[in-house]
Amino acid sequence: MRCGTRLGYRFEAVRIIPSNWEVMIRETTDQLLYERDHHLKKTALPRPAHHVTLLATTEPTPHPLFTLVGGVVQTWERTGSNLANAT
């Protein structure tokens, strides 16, 4: 909610139900960095101030639902290394 409020979104906070997560999602550190870089490309023109803030973030913090593990970008992502194999 704090992020949405900070970005100027309006919503009824009473409709958001707090939750205790029992299941954690494992994700790789390289995937998190890939997502950050993808977001940087998408925000460069439409949101320059937000883009500058993201550029200052060298190590993004994942949502508490995620547990980071070492590893590479997921195979479903269309990266330069796997575009040649895409059909």
PDB file of N, CA and C in Angstrom:
ATOM      1  N   MET A   1       0.815  -1.182   0.000  1.00  0.00           N
ATOM      2  CA  MET A   1       0.000   0.000   0.000  1.00  0.00           C
ATOM      3  C   MET A   1       0.866   1.257   0.000  1.00  0.00           C
ATOM      4  N   ARG A   2       1.964   1.206   0.732  1.00  0.00           N
ATOM      5  CA  ARG A   2       2.802   2.404   0.799  1.00  0.00           C
ATOM      6  C   ARG A   2       3.326   2.784  -0.576  1.00  0.00           C
ATOM      7  N   CYS A   3       3.737   1.786  -1.356  1.00  0.00           N
ATOM      8  CA  CYS A   3       4.256   2.060  -2.691  1.00  0.00           C
ATOM      9  C   CYS A   3       3.172   2.679  -3.564  1.00  0.00           C
ATOM     10  N   GLY A   4       1.976   2.114  -3.542  1.00  0.00           N
ATOM     11  CA  GLY A   4       0.873   2.649  -4.331  1.00  0.00           C
ATOM     12  C   GLY A   4       0.528   4.068  -3.942  1.00  0.00           C
ATOM     13  N   THR A   5       0.525   4.355  -2.652  1.00  0.00           N
ATOM     14  CA  THR A   5       0.244   5.707  -2.171  1.00  0.00           C
ATOM     15  C   THR A   5       1.341   6.660  -2.611  1.00  0.00           C
ATOM     16  N   ARG A   6       2.581   6.221  -2.487  1.00  0.00           N
ATOM     17  CA  ARG A   6       3.719   7.060  -2.875  1.00  0.00           C
ATOM     18  C   ARG A   6       3.676   7.389  -4.370  1.00  0.00           C
ATOM     19  N   LEU A   7       3.183   6.454  -5.171  1.00  0.00           N
ATOM     20  CA  LEU A   7       3.102   6.665  -6.615  1.00  0.00           C
ATOM     21  C   LEU A   7       1.843   7.414  -7.029  1.00  0.00           C
ATOM     22  N   GLY A   8       1.011   7.768  -6.052  1.00  0.00           N
ATOM     23  CA  GLY A   8      -0.155   8.576  -6.348  1.00  0.00           C
ATOM     24  C   GLY A   8      -1.426   7.797  -6.645  1.00  0.00           C
ATOM     25  N   TYR A   9      -1.422   6.482  -6.419  1.00  0.00           N
ATOM     26  CA  TYR A   9      -2.636   5.697  -6.637  1.00  0.00           C
ATOM     27  C   TYR A   9      -3.605   5.943  -5.489  1.00  0.00           C
ATOM     28  N   ARG A  10      -4.883   5.947  -5.804  1.00  0.00           N
ATOM     29  CA  ARG A  10      -5.913   6.111  -4.782  1.00  0.00           C
ATOM     30  C   ARG A  10      -6.712   4.824  -4.697  1.00  0.00           C
ATOM     31  N   PHE A  11      -6.927   4.355  -3.493  1.00  0.00           N
ATOM     32  CA  PHE A  11      -7.692   3.125  -3.295  1.00  0.00           C
ATOM     33  C   PHE A  11      -8.229   3.115  -1.874  1.00  0.00           C
ATOM     34  N   GLU A  12      -9.165   2.245  -1.606  1.00  0.00           N
ATOM     35  CA  GLU A  12      -9.738   2.108  -0.268  1.00  0.00           C
ATOM     36  C   GLU A  12      -8.923   1.080   0.503  1.00  0.00           C
ATOM     37  N   ALA A  13      -8.096   1.553   1.403  1.00  0.00           N
ATOM     38  CA  ALA A  13      -7.197   0.680   2.154  1.00  0.00           C
ATOM     39  C   ALA A  13      -7.952  -0.353   2.985  1.00  0.00           C
ATOM     40  N   VAL A  14      -9.183  -0.049   3.395  1.00  0.00           N
ATOM     41  CA  VAL A  14      -9.934  -1.003   4.223  1.00  0.00           C
ATOM     42  C   VAL A  14     -10.306  -2.252   3.439  1.00  0.00           C
ATOM     43  N   ARG A  15     -10.242  -2.192   2.115  1.00  0.00           N
ATOM     44  CA  ARG A  15     -10.579  -3.366   1.301  1.00  0.00           C
ATOM     45  C   ARG A  15      -9.396  -4.309   1.113  1.00  0.00           C
ATOM     46  N   ILE A  16      -8.231  -3.884   1.528  1.00  0.00           N
ATOM     47  CA  ILE A  16      -7.039  -4.706   1.392  1.00  0.00           C
ATOM     48  C   ILE A  16      -6.888  -5.536   2.662  1.00  0.00           C
ATOM     49  N   ILE A  17      -6.938  -6.833   2.499  1.00  0.00           N
ATOM     50  CA  ILE A  17      -6.920  -7.752   3.632  1.00  0.00           C
ATOM     51  C   ILE A  17      -5.480  -8.146   3.949  1.00  0.00           C
ATOM     52  N   PRO A  18      -5.027  -7.875   5.167  1.00  0.00           N
ATOM     53  CA  PRO A  18      -3.679  -8.317   5.537  1.00  0.00           C
ATOM     54  C   PRO A  18      -3.595  -9.841   5.485  1.00  0.00           C
ATOM     55  N   SER A  19      -2.415 -10.323   5.207  1.00  0.00           N
ATOM     56  CA  SER A  19      -2.246 -11.764   5.061  1.00  0.00           C
ATOM     57  C   SER A  19      -0.938 -12.207   5.709  1.00  0.00           C
ATOM     58  N   ASN A  20      -0.953 -13.391   6.251  1.00  0.00           N
ATOM     59  CA  ASN A  20       0.273 -14.026   6.725  1.00  0.00           C
ATOM     60  C   ASN A  20       0.637 -15.083   5.696  1.00  0.00           C
ATOM     61  N   TRP A  21       1.736 -14.877   4.989  1.00  0.00           N
ATOM     62  CA  TRP A  21       2.127 -15.796   3.944  1.00  0.00           C
ATOM     63  C   TRP A  21       2.796 -17.008   4.541  1.00  0.00           C
ATOM     64  N   GLU A  22       2.307 -18.151   4.169  1.00  0.00           N
ATOM     65  CA  GLU A  22       2.925 -19.391   4.633  1.00  0.00           C
ATOM     66  C   GLU A  22       3.781 -20.008   3.540  1.00  0.00           C
ATOM     67  N   VAL A  23       3.552 -19.618   2.305  1.00  0.00           N
ATOM     68  CA  VAL A  23       4.305 -20.153   1.182  1.00  0.00           C
ATOM     69  C   VAL A  23       5.201 -19.046   0.643  1.00  0.00           C
ATOM     70  N   MET A  24       6.466 -19.349   0.531  1.00  0.00           N
ATOM     71  CA  MET A  24       7.408 -18.384  -0.033  1.00  0.00           C
ATOM     72  C   MET A  24       7.703 -18.788  -1.473  1.00  0.00           C
ATOM     73  N   ILE A  25       7.904 -17.801  -2.313  1.00  0.00           N
ATOM     74  CA  ILE A  25       8.226 -18.045  -3.716  1.00  0.00           C
ATOM     75  C   ILE A  25       9.737 -17.898  -3.876  1.00  0.00           C
ATOM     76  N   ARG A  26      10.366 -18.947  -4.384  1.00  0.00           N
ATOM     77  CA  ARG A  26      11.815 -18.895  -4.625  1.00  0.00           C
ATOM     78  C   ARG A  26      12.057 -18.242  -5.983  1.00  0.00           C
ATOM     79  N   GLU A  27      12.959 -17.302  -6.015  1.00  0.00           N
ATOM     80  CA  GLU A  27      13.328 -16.656  -7.271  1.00  0.00           C
ATOM     81  C   GLU A  27      14.825 -16.403  -7.257  1.00  0.00           C
ATOM     82  N   THR A  28      15.409 -16.376  -8.438  1.00  0.00           N
ATOM     83  CA  THR A  28      16.856 -16.199  -8.532  1.00  0.00           C
ATOM     84  C   THR A  28      17.239 -14.725  -8.468  1.00  0.00           C
ATOM     85  N   THR A  29      18.446 -14.491  -7.989  1.00  0.00           N
ATOM     86  CA  THR A  29      18.939 -13.120  -7.901  1.00  0.00           C
ATOM     87  C   THR A  29      19.052 -12.485  -9.284  1.00  0.00           C
ATOM     88  N   ASP A  30      19.492 -13.254 -10.274  1.00  0.00           N
ATOM     89  CA  ASP A  30      19.607 -12.703 -11.631  1.00  0.00           C
ATOM     90  C   ASP A  30      18.237 -12.356 -12.212  1.00  0.00           C
ATOM     91  N   GLN A  31      17.201 -13.114 -11.856  1.00  0.00           N
ATOM     92  CA  GLN A  31      15.857 -12.799 -12.333  1.00  0.00           C
ATOM     93  C   GLN A  31      15.395 -11.471 -11.744  1.00  0.00           C
ATOM     94  N   LEU A  32      15.679 -11.239 -10.477  1.00  0.00           N
ATOM     95  CA  LEU A  32      15.305  -9.976  -9.841  1.00  0.00           C
ATOM     96  C   LEU A  32      15.999  -8.804 -10.533  1.00  0.00           C
ATOM     97  N   LEU A  33      17.273  -8.962 -10.842  1.00  0.00           N
ATOM     98  CA  LEU A  33      18.008  -7.905 -11.540  1.00  0.00           C
ATOM     99  C   LEU A  33      17.469  -7.708 -12.956  1.00  0.00           C
ATOM    100  N   TYR A  34      17.099  -8.803 -13.617  1.00  0.00           N
ATOM    101  CA  TYR A  34      16.510  -8.713 -14.953  1.00  0.00           C
ATOM    102  C   TYR A  34      15.206  -7.907 -14.905  1.00  0.00           C
ATOM    103  N   GLU A  35      14.371  -8.199 -13.914  1.00  0.00           N
ATOM    104  CA  GLU A  35      13.108  -7.478 -13.773  1.00  0.00           C
ATOM    105  C   GLU A  35      13.347  -5.995 -13.502  1.00  0.00           C
ATOM    106  N   ARG A  36      14.343  -5.693 -12.670  1.00  0.00           N
ATOM    107  CA  ARG A  36      14.678  -4.291 -12.398  1.00  0.00           C
ATOM    108  C   ARG A  36      15.121  -3.584 -13.677  1.00  0.00           C
ATOM    109  N   ASP A  37      15.977  -4.224 -14.463  1.00  0.00           N
ATOM    110  CA  ASP A  37      16.450  -3.621 -15.709  1.00  0.00           C
ATOM    111  C   ASP A  37      15.308  -3.432 -16.702  1.00  0.00           C
ATOM    112  N   HIS A  38      14.396  -4.400 -16.750  1.00  0.00           N
ATOM    113  CA  HIS A  38      13.232  -4.299 -17.629  1.00  0.00           C
ATOM    114  C   HIS A  38      12.364  -3.099 -17.214  1.00  0.00           C
ATOM    115  N   HIS A  39      12.172  -2.929 -15.922  1.00  0.00           N
ATOM    116  CA  HIS A  39      11.384  -1.817 -15.404  1.00  0.00           C
ATOM    117  C   HIS A  39      12.079  -0.487 -15.697  1.00  0.00           C
ATOM    118  N   LEU A  40      13.408  -0.467 -15.612  1.00  0.00           N
ATOM    119  CA  LEU A  40      14.158   0.753 -15.939  1.00  0.00           C
ATOM    120  C   LEU A  40      13.890   1.190 -17.379  1.00  0.00           C
ATOM    121  N   LYS A  41      13.899   0.225 -18.302  1.00  0.00           N
ATOM    122  CA  LYS A  41      13.647   0.551 -19.709  1.00  0.00           C
ATOM    123  C   LYS A  41      12.240   1.094 -19.907  1.00  0.00           C
ATOM    124  N   LYS A  42      11.276   0.558 -19.171  1.00  0.00           N
ATOM    125  CA  LYS A  42       9.887   0.979 -19.328  1.00  0.00           C
ATOM    126  C   LYS A  42       9.610   2.348 -18.705  1.00  0.00           C
ATOM    127  N   THR A  43      10.407   2.773 -17.726  1.00  0.00           N
ATOM    128  CA  THR A  43      10.129   4.033 -17.028  1.00  0.00           C
ATOM    129  C   THR A  43      10.962   5.208 -17.520  1.00  0.00           C
ATOM    130  N   ALA A  44      11.922   4.972 -18.392  1.00  0.00           N
ATOM    131  CA  ALA A  44      12.838   6.033 -18.805  1.00  0.00           C
ATOM    132  C   ALA A  44      12.111   7.259 -19.367  1.00  0.00           C
ATOM    133  N   LEU A  45      11.177   7.053 -20.274  1.00  0.00           N
ATOM    134  CA  LEU A  45      10.491   8.193 -20.896  1.00  0.00           C
ATOM    135  C   LEU A  45       9.234   8.650 -20.150  1.00  0.00           C
ATOM    136  N   PRO A  46       8.317   7.751 -19.809  1.00  0.00           N
ATOM    137  CA  PRO A  46       7.080   8.238 -19.208  1.00  0.00           C
ATOM    138  C   PRO A  46       7.207   8.727 -17.768  1.00  0.00           C
ATOM    139  N   ARG A  47       8.209   8.252 -17.035  1.00  0.00           N
ATOM    140  CA  ARG A  47       8.342   8.633 -15.620  1.00  0.00           C
ATOM    141  C   ARG A  47       9.802   8.928 -15.288  1.00  0.00           C
ATOM    142  N   PRO A  48      10.343  10.014 -15.826  1.00  0.00           N
ATOM    143  CA  PRO A  48      11.775  10.277 -15.639  1.00  0.00           C
ATOM    144  C   PRO A  48      12.209  10.409 -14.180  1.00  0.00           C
ATOM    145  N   ALA A  49      11.394  10.998 -13.312  1.00  0.00           N
ATOM    146  CA  ALA A  49      11.791  11.139 -11.906  1.00  0.00           C
ATOM    147  C   ALA A  49      11.873   9.764 -11.231  1.00  0.00           C
ATOM    148  N   HIS A  50      10.904   8.907 -11.514  1.00  0.00           N
ATOM    149  CA  HIS A  50      10.922   7.548 -10.963  1.00  0.00           C
ATOM    150  C   HIS A  50      12.110   6.772 -11.526  1.00  0.00           C
ATOM    151  N   HIS A  51      12.408   7.003 -12.787  1.00  0.00           N
ATOM    152  CA  HIS A  51      13.542   6.346 -13.445  1.00  0.00           C
ATOM    153  C   HIS A  51      14.844   6.685 -12.723  1.00  0.00           C
ATOM    154  N   VAL A  52      15.027   7.941 -12.381  1.00  0.00           N
ATOM    155  CA  VAL A  52      16.243   8.372 -11.686  1.00  0.00           C
ATOM    156  C   VAL A  52      16.342   7.689 -10.322  1.00  0.00           C
ATOM    157  N   THR A  53      15.210   7.564  -9.623  1.00  0.00           N
ATOM    158  CA  THR A  53      15.194   6.878  -8.331  1.00  0.00           C
ATOM    159  C   THR A  53      15.596   5.417  -8.495  1.00  0.00           C
ATOM    160  N   LEU A  54      15.080   4.770  -9.541  1.00  0.00           N
ATOM    161  CA  LEU A  54      15.428   3.370  -9.784  1.00  0.00           C
ATOM    162  C   LEU A  54      16.902   3.205 -10.126  1.00  0.00           C
ATOM    163  N   LEU A  55      17.440   4.151 -10.877  1.00  0.00           N
ATOM    164  CA  LEU A  55      18.854   4.070 -11.235  1.00  0.00           C
ATOM    165  C   LEU A  55      19.752   4.076  -9.995  1.00  0.00           C
ATOM    166  N   ALA A  56      19.303   4.750  -8.950  1.00  0.00           N
ATOM    167  CA  ALA A  56      20.087   4.830  -7.719  1.00  0.00           C
ATOM    168  C   ALA A  56      20.014   3.538  -6.903  1.00  0.00           C
ATOM    169  N   THR A  57      19.108   2.640  -7.271  1.00  0.00           N
ATOM    170  CA  THR A  57      18.938   1.382  -6.548  1.00  0.00           C
ATOM    171  C   THR A  57      19.831   0.317  -7.167  1.00  0.00           C
ATOM    172  N   THR A  58      20.947   0.042  -6.523  1.00  0.00           N
ATOM    173  CA  THR A  58      21.871  -0.951  -7.073  1.00  0.00           C
ATOM    174  C   THR A  58      21.421  -2.367  -6.736  1.00  0.00           C
ATOM    175  N   GLU A  59      20.818  -2.548  -5.565  1.00  0.00           N
ATOM    176  CA  GLU A  59      20.357  -3.867  -5.143  1.00  0.00           C
ATOM    177  C   GLU A  59      18.874  -3.772  -4.813  1.00  0.00           C
ATOM    178  N   PRO A  60      18.005  -4.191  -5.738  1.00  0.00           N
ATOM    179  CA  PRO A  60      16.571  -4.111  -5.450  1.00  0.00           C
ATOM    180  C   PRO A  60      16.178  -5.060  -4.319  1.00  0.00           C
ATOM    181  N   THR A  61      15.206  -4.647  -3.543  1.00  0.00           N
ATOM    182  CA  THR A  61      14.700  -5.465  -2.442  1.00  0.00           C
ATOM    183  C   THR A  61      13.447  -6.185  -2.910  1.00  0.00           C
ATOM    184  N   PRO A  62      13.427  -7.504  -2.833  1.00  0.00           N
ATOM    185  CA  PRO A  62      12.234  -8.232  -3.275  1.00  0.00           C
ATOM    186  C   PRO A  62      11.080  -8.077  -2.287  1.00  0.00           C
ATOM    187  N   HIS A  63       9.893  -8.322  -2.768  1.00  0.00           N
ATOM    188  CA  HIS A  63       8.710  -8.362  -1.910  1.00  0.00           C
ATOM    189  C   HIS A  63       8.937  -9.443  -0.856  1.00  0.00           C
ATOM    190  N   PRO A  64       8.406  -9.281   0.355  1.00  0.00           N
ATOM    191  CA  PRO A  64       8.623 -10.274   1.409  1.00  0.00           C
ATOM    192  C   PRO A  64       8.142 -11.685   1.063  1.00  0.00           C
ATOM    193  N   LEU A  65       7.294 -11.807   0.073  1.00  0.00           N
ATOM    194  CA  LEU A  65       6.803 -13.115  -0.340  1.00  0.00           C
ATOM    195  C   LEU A  65       7.881 -13.939  -1.053  1.00  0.00           C
ATOM    196  N   PHE A  66       8.940 -13.268  -1.523  1.00  0.00           N
ATOM    197  CA  PHE A  66       9.986 -13.945  -2.280  1.00  0.00           C
ATOM    198  C   PHE A  66      11.191 -14.276  -1.412  1.00  0.00           C
ATOM    199  N   THR A  67      11.769 -15.436  -1.681  1.00  0.00           N
ATOM    200  CA  THR A  67      13.046 -15.829  -1.111  1.00  0.00           C
ATOM    201  C   THR A  67      14.031 -15.906  -2.268  1.00  0.00           C
ATOM    202  N   LEU A  68      15.109 -15.149  -2.188  1.00  0.00           N
ATOM    203  CA  LEU A  68      16.085 -15.152  -3.270  1.00  0.00           C
ATOM    204  C   LEU A  68      17.095 -16.272  -3.108  1.00  0.00           C
ATOM    205  N   VAL A  69      17.398 -16.897  -4.239  1.00  0.00           N
ATOM    206  CA  VAL A  69      18.434 -17.927  -4.304  1.00  0.00           C
ATOM    207  C   VAL A  69      19.358 -17.557  -5.448  1.00  0.00           C
ATOM    208  N   GLY A  70      20.562 -18.062  -5.412  1.00  0.00           N
ATOM    209  CA  GLY A  70      21.481 -17.817  -6.510  1.00  0.00           C
ATOM    210  C   GLY A  70      20.954 -18.451  -7.788  1.00  0.00           C
ATOM    211  N   GLY A  71      21.297 -17.886  -8.914  1.00  0.00           N
ATOM    212  CA  GLY A  71      20.862 -18.483 -10.166  1.00  0.00           C
ATOM    213  C   GLY A  71      20.727 -17.461 -11.279  1.00  0.00           C
ATOM    214  N   VAL A  72      20.344 -17.961 -12.427  1.00  0.00           N
ATOM    215  CA  VAL A  72      20.290 -17.158 -13.646  1.00  0.00           C
ATOM    216  C   VAL A  72      18.859 -16.700 -13.936  1.00  0.00           C
ATOM    217  N   VAL A  73      18.723 -15.916 -14.992  1.00  0.00           N
ATOM    218  CA  VAL A  73      17.416 -15.455 -15.451  1.00  0.00           C
ATOM    219  C   VAL A  73      16.611 -16.672 -15.911  1.00  0.00           C
ATOM    220  N   GLN A  74      15.311 -16.666 -15.634  1.00  0.00           N
ATOM    221  CA  GLN A  74      14.450 -17.792 -15.983  1.00  0.00           C
ATOM    222  C   GLN A  74      14.415 -18.022 -17.497  1.00  0.00           C
ATOM    223  N   THR A  75      14.252 -19.261 -17.896  1.00  0.00           N
ATOM    224  CA  THR A  75      14.300 -19.623 -19.318  1.00  0.00           C
ATOM    225  C   THR A  75      13.136 -19.061 -20.122  1.00  0.00           C
ATOM    226  N   TRP A  76      12.033 -18.698 -19.469  1.00  0.00           N
ATOM    227  CA  TRP A  76      10.889 -18.166 -20.222  1.00  0.00           C
ATOM    228  C   TRP A  76      11.093 -16.716 -20.650  1.00  0.00           C
ATOM    229  N   GLU A  77      12.089 -16.045 -20.090  1.00  0.00           N
ATOM    230  CA  GLU A  77      12.348 -14.652 -20.461  1.00  0.00           C
ATOM    231  C   GLU A  77      12.997 -14.583 -21.837  1.00  0.00           C
ATOM    232  N   ARG A  78      12.629 -13.581 -22.590  1.00  0.00           N
ATOM    233  CA  ARG A  78      13.194 -13.381 -23.920  1.00  0.00           C
ATOM    234  C   ARG A  78      14.418 -12.485 -23.796  1.00  0.00           C
ATOM    235  N   THR A  79      15.544 -13.108 -23.542  1.00  0.00           N
ATOM    236  CA  THR A  79      16.796 -12.384 -23.395  1.00  0.00           C
ATOM    237  C   THR A  79      17.639 -12.574 -24.642  1.00  0.00           C
ATOM    238  N   GLY A  80      18.690 -11.828 -24.749  1.00  0.00           N
ATOM    239  CA  GLY A  80      19.562 -11.960 -25.923  1.00  0.00           C
ATOM    240  C   GLY A  80      20.116 -13.353 -26.096  1.00  0.00           C
ATOM    241  N   SER A  81      20.346 -14.059 -24.997  1.00  0.00           N
ATOM    242  CA  SER A  81      20.947 -15.386 -25.087  1.00  0.00           C
ATOM    243  C   SER A  81      19.965 -16.455 -25.556  1.00  0.00           C
ATOM    244  N   ASN A  82      18.652 -16.224 -25.409  1.00  0.00           N
ATOM    245  CA  ASN A  82      17.726 -17.262 -25.830  1.00  0.00           C
ATOM    246  C   ASN A  82      16.812 -16.836 -26.981  1.00  0.00           C
ATOM    247  N   LEU A  83      16.985 -15.638 -27.525  1.00  0.00           N
ATOM    248  CA  LEU A  83      16.165 -15.189 -28.649  1.00  0.00           C
ATOM    249  C   LEU A  83      16.441 -16.000 -29.909  1.00  0.00           C
ATOM    250  N   ALA A  84      17.656 -16.458 -30.079  1.00  0.00           N
ATOM    251  CA  ALA A  84      17.997 -17.241 -31.269  1.00  0.00           C
ATOM    252  C   ALA A  84      17.248 -18.552 -31.288  1.00  0.00           C
ATOM    253  N   ASN A  85      16.883 -19.077 -30.102  1.00  0.00           N
ATOM    254  CA  ASN A  85      16.171 -20.351 -30.026  1.00  0.00           C
ATOM    255  C   ASN A  85      14.652 -20.180 -30.018  1.00  0.00           C
ATOM    256  N   ALA A  86      14.172 -18.932 -29.974  1.00  0.00           N
ATOM    257  CA  ALA A  86      12.716 -18.690 -29.915  1.00  0.00           C
ATOM    258  C   ALA A  86      12.074 -19.011 -31.260  1.00  0.00           C
ATOM    259  N   THR A  87      10.866 -19.518 -31.201  1.00  0.00           N
ATOM    260  CA  THR A  87      10.152 -19.830 -32.436  1.00  0.00           C
ATOM    261  C   THR A  87       9.042 -18.854 -32.680  1.00  0.00           C
TER     262      THR A  87
END
